[in-house]
Amino acid sequence: VQKITVQLSLGHLLRGQLVLPRVEVFSPVINLERETAGRANWYPESKPATPANASPHFPAIRRLVIQDGKIHVEDRIRKLSLNGTVIADEQANNEGNSAFELHCSGSLNSKPFKLQASGGPLINVDPNKPYTFAMDVKAADISLKVQGSIPKPFDLAAYEAKFVLSGDDLADAYYLTNMALPNTSKYRLAGKLVNQGCRFQGDDFRGPVGAGDLSGNVTCAIMKTRP
């Protein structure tokens, strides 16, 4: 980070709450790497990555400004390599861009990968009001469009998202979803995903798969050990 400014609310701190009224970050460079053995540089050596601590809990930030941010990801388990930019302005500019933008491109399983995410300004953020965002992901023939919300901003342990997922074969989505799915013909599924910690729930998903249709609900609980 070239420069960072952080304001701390002493009143909330005395009540046992960590609240940051303002955070400004200038020219941050984020490098995230994970080896094939599972060791990742975003987890301490003494606390390896497990589903129980996979969702980060950030302190509440009422106003976040990021200028000229760069991000690089190298995940050898998901065979993901990408470079991107991230900005968070207090207000959108005259060109119609969103106040928060994340743009990434690279490769997933040796195929072209592109991610674009956008959201509202991270200003006057209320920790008890949802933050909404949109995301568009393309990986070869796979397309994922998301309209989501985080009930408590900066607490990524829970979120809700309406999604549309399409492609030529569901099995190819493994490196995107980290789920082993069956081989299928062309598909287009839409539904709602709700995540609460280690519990993932897909509600009312439906759509064509090959010459047939698929619909229903699914719940998955990711535990430390496989049952």
C-alpha atoms as a PDB file:
ATOM      1  CA  VAL A   1       0.000   0.000   0.000  1.00  0.00           C
ATOM      2  CA  GLN A   2       1.388   3.381  -0.991  1.00  0.00           C
ATOM      3  CA  LYS A   3      -0.695   5.248   1.610  1.00  0.00           C
ATOM      4  CA  ILE A   4      -3.475   4.323   4.035  1.00  0.00           C
ATOM      5  CA  THR A   5      -5.648   6.389   6.353  1.00  0.00           C
ATOM      6  CA  VAL A   6      -7.729   4.728   9.085  1.00  0.00           C
ATOM      7  CA  GLN A   7     -10.122   6.304  11.576  1.00  0.00           C
ATOM      8  CA  LEU A   8     -11.127   4.315  14.659  1.00  0.00           C
ATOM      9  CA  SER A   9     -14.286   4.904  16.715  1.00  0.00           C
ATOM     10  CA  LEU A  10     -13.194   4.888  20.360  1.00  0.00           C
ATOM     11  CA  GLY A  11     -16.811   5.013  21.551  1.00  0.00           C
ATOM     12  CA  HIS A  12     -17.640   1.714  19.821  1.00  0.00           C
ATOM     13  CA  LEU A  13     -14.316   0.218  20.934  1.00  0.00           C
ATOM     14  CA  LEU A  14     -15.152   0.852  24.601  1.00  0.00           C
ATOM     15  CA  ARG A  15     -18.371  -1.125  24.020  1.00  0.00           C
ATOM     16  CA  GLY A  16     -16.421  -4.025  22.540  1.00  0.00           C
ATOM     17  CA  GLN A  17     -17.183  -3.180  18.882  1.00  0.00           C
ATOM     18  CA  LEU A  18     -14.598  -2.493  16.189  1.00  0.00           C
ATOM     19  CA  VAL A  19     -15.993   0.205  13.887  1.00  0.00           C
ATOM     20  CA  LEU A  20     -13.889   2.189  11.400  1.00  0.00           C
ATOM     21  CA  PRO A  21     -15.630   5.466  10.385  1.00  0.00           C
ATOM     22  CA  ARG A  22     -13.260   5.961   7.416  1.00  0.00           C
ATOM     23  CA  VAL A  23     -10.626   3.952   5.564  1.00  0.00           C
ATOM     24  CA  GLU A  24      -8.740   5.346   2.546  1.00  0.00           C
ATOM     25  CA  VAL A  25      -6.338   3.115   0.641  1.00  0.00           C
ATOM     26  CA  PHE A  26      -4.110   4.415  -2.166  1.00  0.00           C
ATOM     27  CA  SER A  27      -2.449   2.153  -4.756  1.00  0.00           C
ATOM     28  CA  PRO A  28      -2.848  -1.174  -2.915  1.00  0.00           C
ATOM     29  CA  VAL A  29      -1.387  -4.309  -4.497  1.00  0.00           C
ATOM     30  CA  ILE A  30      -2.948  -7.616  -3.395  1.00  0.00           C
ATOM     31  CA  ASN A  31      -1.250 -10.943  -4.173  1.00  0.00           C
ATOM     32  CA  LEU A  32      -3.175 -14.121  -3.299  1.00  0.00           C
ATOM     33  CA  GLU A  33      -1.529 -17.509  -3.852  1.00  0.00           C
ATOM     34  CA  ARG A  34      -2.485 -21.093  -3.010  1.00  0.00           C
ATOM     35  CA  GLU A  35      -0.309 -24.150  -3.597  1.00  0.00           C
ATOM     36  CA  THR A  36      -1.488 -27.565  -4.778  1.00  0.00           C
ATOM     37  CA  ALA A  37      -0.977 -28.852  -1.204  1.00  0.00           C
ATOM     38  CA  GLY A  38      -3.599 -26.356   0.008  1.00  0.00           C
ATOM     39  CA  ARG A  39      -1.312 -23.868   1.744  1.00  0.00           C
ATOM     40  CA  ALA A  40      -2.520 -20.322   1.054  1.00  0.00           C
ATOM     41  CA  ASN A  41      -0.957 -16.981   1.931  1.00  0.00           C
ATOM     42  CA  TRP A  42      -4.263 -15.566   3.230  1.00  0.00           C
ATOM     43  CA  TYR A  43      -4.247 -18.021   6.184  1.00  0.00           C
ATOM     44  CA  PRO A  44      -1.710 -18.115   9.038  1.00  0.00           C
ATOM     45  CA  GLU A  45       0.706 -21.063   8.990  1.00  0.00           C
ATOM     46  CA  SER A  46      -0.660 -22.260  12.330  1.00  0.00           C
ATOM     47  CA  LYS A  47      -4.281 -22.156  11.143  1.00  0.00           C
ATOM     48  CA  PRO A  48      -4.739 -23.916   7.793  1.00  0.00           C
ATOM     49  CA  ALA A  49      -7.758 -23.226   5.635  1.00  0.00           C
ATOM     50  CA  THR A  50     -10.892 -25.100   6.680  1.00  0.00           C
ATOM     51  CA  PRO A  51     -14.526 -24.518   5.732  1.00  0.00           C
ATOM     52  CA  ALA A  52     -15.212 -23.281   9.266  1.00  0.00           C
ATOM     53  CA  ASN A  53     -12.928 -20.251   8.823  1.00  0.00           C
ATOM     54  CA  ALA A  54     -13.218 -19.844   5.066  1.00  0.00           C
ATOM     55  CA  SER A  55     -15.503 -16.775   5.191  1.00  0.00           C
ATOM     56  CA  PRO A  56     -13.730 -13.607   6.347  1.00  0.00           C
ATOM     57  CA  HIS A  57     -15.253 -11.296   8.950  1.00  0.00           C
ATOM     58  CA  PHE A  58     -14.036  -7.721   8.422  1.00  0.00           C
ATOM     59  CA  PRO A  59     -14.650  -4.880  10.884  1.00  0.00           C
ATOM     60  CA  ALA A  60     -17.509  -2.539  10.018  1.00  0.00           C
ATOM     61  CA  ILE A  61     -16.284   0.298   7.769  1.00  0.00           C
ATOM     62  CA  ARG A  62     -18.680   3.223   7.308  1.00  0.00           C
ATOM     63  CA  ARG A  63     -16.751   4.829   4.450  1.00  0.00           C
ATOM     64  CA  LEU A  64     -14.245   2.959   2.265  1.00  0.00           C
ATOM     65  CA  VAL A  65     -12.247   4.579  -0.529  1.00  0.00           C
ATOM     66  CA  ILE A  66      -9.839   2.587  -2.715  1.00  0.00           C
ATOM     67  CA  GLN A  67      -7.825   4.246  -5.456  1.00  0.00           C
ATOM     68  CA  ASP A  68      -5.790   2.487  -8.154  1.00  0.00           C
ATOM     69  CA  GLY A  69      -6.002  -0.978  -6.594  1.00  0.00           C
ATOM     70  CA  LYS A  70      -4.331  -3.996  -8.236  1.00  0.00           C
ATOM     71  CA  ILE A  71      -5.025  -7.664  -7.539  1.00  0.00           C
ATOM     72  CA  HIS A  72      -3.244 -10.847  -8.624  1.00  0.00           C
ATOM     73  CA  VAL A  73      -4.525 -14.353  -7.885  1.00  0.00           C
ATOM     74  CA  GLU A  74      -2.694 -17.644  -8.447  1.00  0.00           C
ATOM     75  CA  ASP A  75      -4.742 -20.632  -7.218  1.00  0.00           C
ATOM     76  CA  ARG A  76      -3.133 -23.916  -8.239  1.00  0.00           C
ATOM     77  CA  ILE A  77      -5.980 -26.021  -6.818  1.00  0.00           C
ATOM     78  CA  ARG A  78      -8.648 -24.329  -8.909  1.00  0.00           C
ATOM     79  CA  LYS A  79      -6.166 -23.766 -11.759  1.00  0.00           C
ATOM     80  CA  LEU A  80      -7.024 -20.070 -11.616  1.00  0.00           C
ATOM     81  CA  SER A  81      -4.682 -17.268 -12.634  1.00  0.00           C
ATOM     82  CA  LEU A  82      -5.875 -13.688 -12.989  1.00  0.00           C
ATOM     83  CA  ASN A  83      -4.950 -10.031 -12.764  1.00  0.00           C
ATOM     84  CA  GLY A  84      -7.364  -7.219 -12.047  1.00  0.00           C
ATOM     85  CA  THR A  85      -8.125  -3.752 -10.789  1.00  0.00           C
ATOM     86  CA  VAL A  86     -10.354  -2.571  -7.948  1.00  0.00           C
ATOM     87  CA  ILE A  87     -11.660   0.892  -7.116  1.00  0.00           C
ATOM     88  CA  ALA A  88     -14.140   2.217  -4.554  1.00  0.00           C
ATOM     89  CA  ASP A  89     -15.060   5.872  -5.058  1.00  0.00           C
ATOM     90  CA  GLU A  90     -17.423   7.858  -2.873  1.00  0.00           C
ATOM     91  CA  GLN A  91     -19.663   8.445  -5.871  1.00  0.00           C
ATOM     92  CA  ALA A  92     -19.983   7.233  -9.453  1.00  0.00           C
ATOM     93  CA  ASN A  93     -18.443   9.405 -12.152  1.00  0.00           C
ATOM     94  CA  ASN A  94     -20.158  11.033 -15.104  1.00  0.00           C
ATOM     95  CA  GLU A  95     -19.413   8.090 -17.414  1.00  0.00           C
ATOM     96  CA  GLY A  96     -21.999   5.999 -15.603  1.00  0.00           C
ATOM     97  CA  ASN A  97     -19.543   3.693 -13.868  1.00  0.00           C
ATOM     98  CA  SER A  98     -20.416   2.173 -10.510  1.00  0.00           C
ATOM     99  CA  ALA A  99     -18.903   3.522  -7.324  1.00  0.00           C
ATOM    100  CA  PHE A 100     -17.374   0.109  -6.587  1.00  0.00           C
ATOM    101  CA  GLU A 101     -15.778  -1.827  -9.456  1.00  0.00           C
ATOM    102  CA  LEU A 102     -13.714  -5.003  -9.691  1.00  0.00           C
ATOM    103  CA  HIS A 103     -12.412  -6.104 -13.102  1.00  0.00           C
ATOM    104  CA  CYS A 104     -10.330  -9.274 -13.523  1.00  0.00           C
ATOM    105  CA  SER A 105      -9.155 -11.361 -16.458  1.00  0.00           C
ATOM    106  CA  GLY A 106      -6.933 -14.406 -16.790  1.00  0.00           C
ATOM    107  CA  SER A 107      -7.375 -18.164 -17.166  1.00  0.00           C
ATOM    108  CA  LEU A 108      -9.350 -20.918 -15.423  1.00  0.00           C
ATOM    109  CA  ASN A 109      -8.257 -24.496 -16.165  1.00  0.00           C
ATOM    110  CA  SER A 110      -6.207 -23.112 -19.085  1.00  0.00           C
ATOM    111  CA  LYS A 111      -9.273 -21.425 -20.608  1.00  0.00           C
ATOM    112  CA  PRO A 112     -10.063 -17.673 -20.803  1.00  0.00           C
ATOM    113  CA  PHE A 113     -11.601 -16.247 -17.637  1.00  0.00           C
ATOM    114  CA  LYS A 114     -13.187 -12.848 -17.015  1.00  0.00           C
ATOM    115  CA  LEU A 115     -14.891 -11.382 -13.937  1.00  0.00           C
ATOM    116  CA  GLN A 116     -16.623  -8.034 -13.501  1.00  0.00           C
ATOM    117  CA  ALA A 117     -18.307  -6.926 -10.276  1.00  0.00           C
ATOM    118  CA  SER A 118     -19.943  -3.634  -9.366  1.00  0.00           C
ATOM    119  CA  GLY A 119     -21.811  -2.107  -6.451  1.00  0.00           C
ATOM    120  CA  GLY A 120     -22.937   1.092  -4.823  1.00  0.00           C
ATOM    121  CA  PRO A 121     -20.709   3.569  -3.000  1.00  0.00           C
ATOM    122  CA  LEU A 122     -19.122   2.321   0.209  1.00  0.00           C
ATOM    123  CA  ILE A 123     -20.036   5.544   2.004  1.00  0.00           C
ATOM    124  CA  ASN A 124     -22.291   5.980   5.035  1.00  0.00           C
ATOM    125  CA  VAL A 125     -22.440   2.187   5.179  1.00  0.00           C
ATOM    126  CA  ASP A 126     -24.804   0.891   7.852  1.00  0.00           C
ATOM    127  CA  PRO A 127     -23.550  -2.450   9.246  1.00  0.00           C
ATOM    128  CA  ASN A 128     -27.187  -3.503   9.728  1.00  0.00           C
ATOM    129  CA  LYS A 129     -28.411  -2.702   6.189  1.00  0.00           C
ATOM    130  CA  PRO A 130     -27.725  -4.976   3.173  1.00  0.00           C
ATOM    131  CA  TYR A 131     -25.158  -4.017   0.555  1.00  0.00           C
ATOM    132  CA  THR A 132     -26.159  -4.987  -3.000  1.00  0.00           C
ATOM    133  CA  PHE A 133     -23.831  -5.903  -5.856  1.00  0.00           C
ATOM    134  CA  ALA A 134     -23.801  -7.422  -9.336  1.00  0.00           C
ATOM    135  CA  MET A 135     -21.301  -9.856 -10.827  1.00  0.00           C
ATOM    136  CA  ASP A 136     -20.713 -11.237 -14.311  1.00  0.00           C
ATOM    137  CA  VAL A 137     -18.324 -14.187 -14.774  1.00  0.00           C
ATOM    138  CA  LYS A 138     -17.320 -15.848 -18.044  1.00  0.00           C
ATOM    139  CA  ALA A 139     -15.026 -18.898 -18.220  1.00  0.00           C
ATOM    140  CA  ALA A 140     -14.787 -20.382 -21.728  1.00  0.00           C
ATOM    141  CA  ASP A 141     -18.402 -21.489 -22.477  1.00  0.00           C
ATOM    142  CA  ILE A 142     -19.541 -20.995 -18.851  1.00  0.00           C
ATOM    143  CA  SER A 143     -21.523 -17.865 -18.019  1.00  0.00           C
ATOM    144  CA  LEU A 144     -22.571 -16.811 -14.507  1.00  0.00           C
ATOM    145  CA  LYS A 145     -24.632 -13.698 -13.774  1.00  0.00           C
ATOM    146  CA  VAL A 146     -25.332 -12.738 -10.155  1.00  0.00           C
ATOM    147  CA  GLN A 147     -27.481 -10.126  -8.419  1.00  0.00           C
ATOM    148  CA  GLY A 148     -26.599 -10.400  -4.752  1.00  0.00           C
ATOM    149  CA  SER A 149     -26.696  -8.757  -1.356  1.00  0.00           C
ATOM    150  CA  ILE A 150     -24.658  -8.991   1.838  1.00  0.00           C
ATOM    151  CA  PRO A 151     -27.008  -8.585   4.848  1.00  0.00           C
ATOM    152  CA  LYS A 152     -24.219  -7.135   7.008  1.00  0.00           C
ATOM    153  CA  PRO A 153     -21.597  -5.306   4.901  1.00  0.00           C
ATOM    154  CA  PHE A 154     -18.003  -6.546   5.335  1.00  0.00           C
ATOM    155  CA  ASP A 155     -19.246  -9.773   6.966  1.00  0.00           C
ATOM    156  CA  LEU A 156     -18.872 -12.271   4.121  1.00  0.00           C
ATOM    157  CA  ALA A 157     -20.005 -15.235   6.239  1.00  0.00           C
ATOM    158  CA  ALA A 158     -23.545 -14.716   4.918  1.00  0.00           C
ATOM    159  CA  TYR A 159     -24.930 -13.546   1.584  1.00  0.00           C
ATOM    160  CA  GLU A 160     -27.857 -14.016  -0.786  1.00  0.00           C
ATOM    161  CA  ALA A 161     -27.712 -14.067  -4.567  1.00  0.00           C
ATOM    162  CA  LYS A 162     -30.006 -14.615  -7.528  1.00  0.00           C
ATOM    163  CA  PHE A 163     -28.031 -16.355 -10.263  1.00  0.00           C
ATOM    164  CA  VAL A 164     -28.203 -17.567 -13.861  1.00  0.00           C
ATOM    165  CA  LEU A 165     -25.637 -20.257 -14.763  1.00  0.00           C
ATOM    166  CA  SER A 166     -25.261 -21.613 -18.299  1.00  0.00           C
ATOM    167  CA  GLY A 167     -22.766 -23.625 -20.331  1.00  0.00           C
ATOM    168  CA  ASP A 168     -22.121 -26.740 -22.413  1.00  0.00           C
ATOM    169  CA  ASP A 169     -21.433 -29.229 -19.588  1.00  0.00           C
ATOM    170  CA  LEU A 170     -22.097 -28.891 -15.839  1.00  0.00           C
ATOM    171  CA  ALA A 171     -18.955 -30.902 -15.058  1.00  0.00           C
ATOM    172  CA  ASP A 172     -16.836 -28.088 -16.534  1.00  0.00           C
ATOM    173  CA  ALA A 173     -18.045 -25.787 -13.739  1.00  0.00           C
ATOM    174  CA  TYR A 174     -15.919 -27.685 -11.175  1.00  0.00           C
ATOM    175  CA  TYR A 175     -13.075 -25.164 -11.132  1.00  0.00           C
ATOM    176  CA  LEU A 176     -15.592 -22.312 -10.838  1.00  0.00           C
ATOM    177  CA  THR A 177     -17.823 -23.812  -8.110  1.00  0.00           C
ATOM    178  CA  ASN A 178     -15.385 -26.289  -6.492  1.00  0.00           C
ATOM    179  CA  MET A 179     -18.199 -28.879  -6.711  1.00  0.00           C
ATOM    180  CA  ALA A 180     -17.894 -32.194  -8.571  1.00  0.00           C
ATOM    181  CA  LEU A 181     -20.922 -32.114 -10.877  1.00  0.00           C
ATOM    182  CA  PRO A 182     -22.071 -34.733 -13.414  1.00  0.00           C
ATOM    183  CA  ASN A 183     -21.497 -34.548 -17.153  1.00  0.00           C
ATOM    184  CA  THR A 184     -24.508 -33.067 -18.939  1.00  0.00           C
ATOM    185  CA  SER A 185     -25.605 -31.542 -22.221  1.00  0.00           C
ATOM    186  CA  LYS A 186     -26.090 -27.788 -22.571  1.00  0.00           C
ATOM    187  CA  TYR A 187     -27.798 -26.221 -19.571  1.00  0.00           C
ATOM    188  CA  ARG A 188     -29.202 -22.966 -18.249  1.00  0.00           C
ATOM    189  CA  LEU A 189     -30.159 -22.871 -14.576  1.00  0.00           C
ATOM    190  CA  ALA A 190     -31.556 -19.960 -12.571  1.00  0.00           C
ATOM    191  CA  GLY A 191     -32.306 -19.737  -8.875  1.00  0.00           C
ATOM    192  CA  LYS A 192     -31.385 -18.223  -5.527  1.00  0.00           C
ATOM    193  CA  LEU A 193     -28.343 -19.086  -3.422  1.00  0.00           C
ATOM    194  CA  VAL A 194     -28.244 -18.393   0.316  1.00  0.00           C
ATOM    195  CA  ASN A 195     -25.008 -18.845   2.280  1.00  0.00           C
ATOM    196  CA  GLN A 196     -24.803 -18.837   6.069  1.00  0.00           C
ATOM    197  CA  GLY A 197     -21.351 -19.822   7.254  1.00  0.00           C
ATOM    198  CA  CYS A 198     -20.805 -23.461   6.275  1.00  0.00           C
ATOM    199  CA  ARG A 199     -24.355 -23.930   4.971  1.00  0.00           C
ATOM    200  CA  PHE A 200     -25.275 -23.324   1.323  1.00  0.00           C
ATOM    201  CA  GLN A 201     -28.867 -23.465   0.148  1.00  0.00           C
ATOM    202  CA  GLY A 202     -30.149 -23.269  -3.410  1.00  0.00           C
ATOM    203  CA  ASP A 203     -33.846 -22.344  -3.550  1.00  0.00           C
ATOM    204  CA  ASP A 204     -36.231 -22.883  -6.458  1.00  0.00           C
ATOM    205  CA  PHE A 205     -33.557 -23.421  -9.113  1.00  0.00           C
ATOM    206  CA  ARG A 206     -34.863 -24.525 -12.506  1.00  0.00           C
ATOM    207  CA  GLY A 207     -34.000 -24.644 -16.186  1.00  0.00           C
ATOM    208  CA  PRO A 208     -33.311 -26.852 -19.216  1.00  0.00           C
ATOM    209  CA  VAL A 209     -30.518 -29.433 -19.182  1.00  0.00           C
ATOM    210  CA  GLY A 210     -30.111 -31.047 -22.583  1.00  0.00           C
ATOM    211  CA  ALA A 211     -33.525 -32.254 -23.762  1.00  0.00           C
ATOM    212  CA  GLY A 212     -34.967 -32.271 -20.222  1.00  0.00           C
ATOM    213  CA  ASP A 213     -35.689 -29.913 -17.361  1.00  0.00           C
ATOM    214  CA  LEU A 214     -34.219 -29.705 -13.884  1.00  0.00           C
ATOM    215  CA  SER A 215     -35.790 -28.006 -10.850  1.00  0.00           C
ATOM    216  CA  GLY A 216     -35.868 -28.184  -7.092  1.00  0.00           C
ATOM    217  CA  ASN A 217     -33.993 -27.162  -3.944  1.00  0.00           C
ATOM    218  CA  VAL A 218     -30.597 -28.234  -2.644  1.00  0.00           C
ATOM    219  CA  THR A 219     -28.817 -27.776   0.678  1.00  0.00           C
ATOM    220  CA  CYS A 220     -25.151 -28.425   1.317  1.00  0.00           C
ATOM    221  CA  ALA A 221     -23.369 -28.228   4.682  1.00  0.00           C
ATOM    222  CA  ILE A 222     -19.586 -28.080   4.391  1.00  0.00           C
ATOM    223  CA  MET A 223     -18.033 -29.572   7.521  1.00  0.00           C
ATOM    224  CA  LYS A 224     -14.427 -29.939   8.629  1.00  0.00           C
ATOM    225  CA  THR A 225     -14.484 -33.675   7.904  1.00  0.00           C
ATOM    226  CA  ARG A 226     -16.400 -35.607   5.285  1.00  0.00           C
ATOM    227  CA  PRO A 227     -19.323 -37.523   6.889  1.00  0.00           C
END
